[in-house]
């Protein structure tokens, strides 16, 4: 997900180079029945732990606990 300008500080160089400037967000399979993924272009508020994925080197929210549409 592309963060709004005030939240661009949440991404690092690996997010920029490997994820096109997106913050990785992961909904775990056990939560997919209750946490719905955003539609392309949808503006959302994502809640969950903000962590460094040490295997890939990018920042992410994993797992996503809640994703709320901000229409």
C-alpha atoms as a PDB file:
ATOM      1  CA  UNK A   1       0.000   0.000   0.000  1.00  0.00           C
ATOM      2  CA  UNK A   2       1.268   3.462  -0.847  1.00  0.00           C
ATOM      3  CA  UNK A   3       1.346   5.552   2.334  1.00  0.00           C
ATOM      4  CA  UNK A   4      -0.048   9.095   2.333  1.00  0.00           C
ATOM      5  CA  UNK A   5       2.697  11.765   2.373  1.00  0.00           C
ATOM      6  CA  UNK A   6       2.685  12.250   6.184  1.00  0.00           C
ATOM      7  CA  UNK A   7       3.369   8.498   6.567  1.00  0.00           C
ATOM      8  CA  UNK A   8       6.061   8.051   3.908  1.00  0.00           C
ATOM      9  CA  UNK A   9       8.538   7.912   6.800  1.00  0.00           C
ATOM     10  CA  UNK A  10       7.207   4.393   7.465  1.00  0.00           C
ATOM     11  CA  UNK A  11       8.919   2.983   4.372  1.00  0.00           C
ATOM     12  CA  UNK A  12      12.632   2.371   3.897  1.00  0.00           C
ATOM     13  CA  UNK A  13      14.945   2.027   0.900  1.00  0.00           C
ATOM     14  CA  UNK A  14      13.984  -1.653   0.374  1.00  0.00           C
ATOM     15  CA  UNK A  15      10.296  -0.683   0.238  1.00  0.00           C
ATOM     16  CA  UNK A  16      11.214   1.907  -2.387  1.00  0.00           C
ATOM     17  CA  UNK A  17      13.420  -0.384  -4.495  1.00  0.00           C
ATOM     18  CA  UNK A  18      11.627  -3.736  -4.128  1.00  0.00           C
ATOM     19  CA  UNK A  19       8.012  -2.716  -3.463  1.00  0.00           C
ATOM     20  CA  UNK A  20       7.678   0.398  -5.612  1.00  0.00           C
ATOM     21  CA  UNK A  21       7.430   2.651  -2.562  1.00  0.00           C
ATOM     22  CA  UNK A  22       4.674   0.614  -0.933  1.00  0.00           C
ATOM     23  CA  UNK A  23       4.394  -0.417   2.692  1.00  0.00           C
ATOM     24  CA  UNK A  24       3.871  -4.181   2.744  1.00  0.00           C
ATOM     25  CA  UNK A  25       0.704  -5.262   4.570  1.00  0.00           C
ATOM     26  CA  UNK A  26      -0.028  -8.909   5.267  1.00  0.00           C
ATOM     27  CA  UNK A  27      -3.355 -10.406   6.284  1.00  0.00           C
ATOM     28  CA  UNK A  28      -2.695 -13.884   7.649  1.00  0.00           C
ATOM     29  CA  UNK A  29      -4.901 -16.706   6.316  1.00  0.00           C
ATOM     30  CA  UNK A  30      -6.604 -17.274   9.693  1.00  0.00           C
ATOM     31  CA  UNK A  31      -7.870 -13.657   9.630  1.00  0.00           C
ATOM     32  CA  UNK A  32      -8.962 -13.455   5.986  1.00  0.00           C
ATOM     33  CA  UNK A  33     -12.585 -14.189   6.878  1.00  0.00           C
ATOM     34  CA  UNK A  34     -12.796 -11.090   9.093  1.00  0.00           C
ATOM     35  CA  UNK A  35     -10.138  -8.734   7.687  1.00  0.00           C
ATOM     36  CA  UNK A  36     -10.976  -7.784   4.116  1.00  0.00           C
ATOM     37  CA  UNK A  37      -8.241  -6.594   1.757  1.00  0.00           C
ATOM     38  CA  UNK A  38      -8.526  -3.123   0.268  1.00  0.00           C
ATOM     39  CA  UNK A  39      -9.672  -2.663  -3.298  1.00  0.00           C
ATOM     40  CA  UNK A  40      -7.235  -0.991  -5.706  1.00  0.00           C
ATOM     41  CA  UNK A  41      -7.276   2.764  -5.129  1.00  0.00           C
ATOM     42  CA  UNK A  42      -9.225   2.495  -1.884  1.00  0.00           C
ATOM     43  CA  UNK A  43      -8.075   4.791   0.931  1.00  0.00           C
ATOM     44  CA  UNK A  44      -7.763   2.749   4.139  1.00  0.00           C
ATOM     45  CA  UNK A  45      -6.571   2.854   7.736  1.00  0.00           C
ATOM     46  CA  UNK A  46      -4.525  -0.248   8.572  1.00  0.00           C
ATOM     47  CA  UNK A  47      -3.990  -1.464  12.145  1.00  0.00           C
ATOM     48  CA  UNK A  48      -1.358  -4.018  13.194  1.00  0.00           C
ATOM     49  CA  UNK A  49       2.261  -4.341  14.296  1.00  0.00           C
ATOM     50  CA  UNK A  50       4.742  -2.232  12.309  1.00  0.00           C
ATOM     51  CA  UNK A  51       7.809  -4.442  11.853  1.00  0.00           C
ATOM     52  CA  UNK A  52      11.009  -4.893   9.883  1.00  0.00           C
ATOM     53  CA  UNK A  53      10.872  -8.030   7.740  1.00  0.00           C
ATOM     54  CA  UNK A  54      14.452  -9.141   8.378  1.00  0.00           C
ATOM     55  CA  UNK A  55      14.363 -11.716   5.575  1.00  0.00           C
ATOM     56  CA  UNK A  56      13.545  -9.097   2.921  1.00  0.00           C
ATOM     57  CA  UNK A  57      14.739  -5.890   4.602  1.00  0.00           C
ATOM     58  CA  UNK A  58      11.540  -3.895   4.129  1.00  0.00           C
ATOM     59  CA  UNK A  59       9.044  -2.473   6.601  1.00  0.00           C
ATOM     60  CA  UNK A  60       5.567  -3.923   6.881  1.00  0.00           C
ATOM     61  CA  UNK A  61       2.417  -4.188   8.927  1.00  0.00           C
ATOM     62  CA  UNK A  62       2.179  -7.867   9.797  1.00  0.00           C
ATOM     63  CA  UNK A  63      -0.254  -9.202  10.666  1.00  0.00           C
ATOM     64  CA  UNK A  64      -2.983  -6.760   9.709  1.00  0.00           C
ATOM     65  CA  UNK A  65      -5.542  -6.816  12.518  1.00  0.00           C
ATOM     66  CA  UNK A  66      -7.997  -4.374  10.952  1.00  0.00           C
ATOM     67  CA  UNK A  67      -8.416  -2.575   7.632  1.00  0.00           C
ATOM     68  CA  UNK A  68     -10.972   0.226   7.633  1.00  0.00           C
ATOM     69  CA  UNK A  69     -12.185   2.074   4.555  1.00  0.00           C
ATOM     70  CA  UNK A  70     -11.868   5.878   4.793  1.00  0.00           C
ATOM     71  CA  UNK A  71     -14.351   6.812   2.048  1.00  0.00           C
END
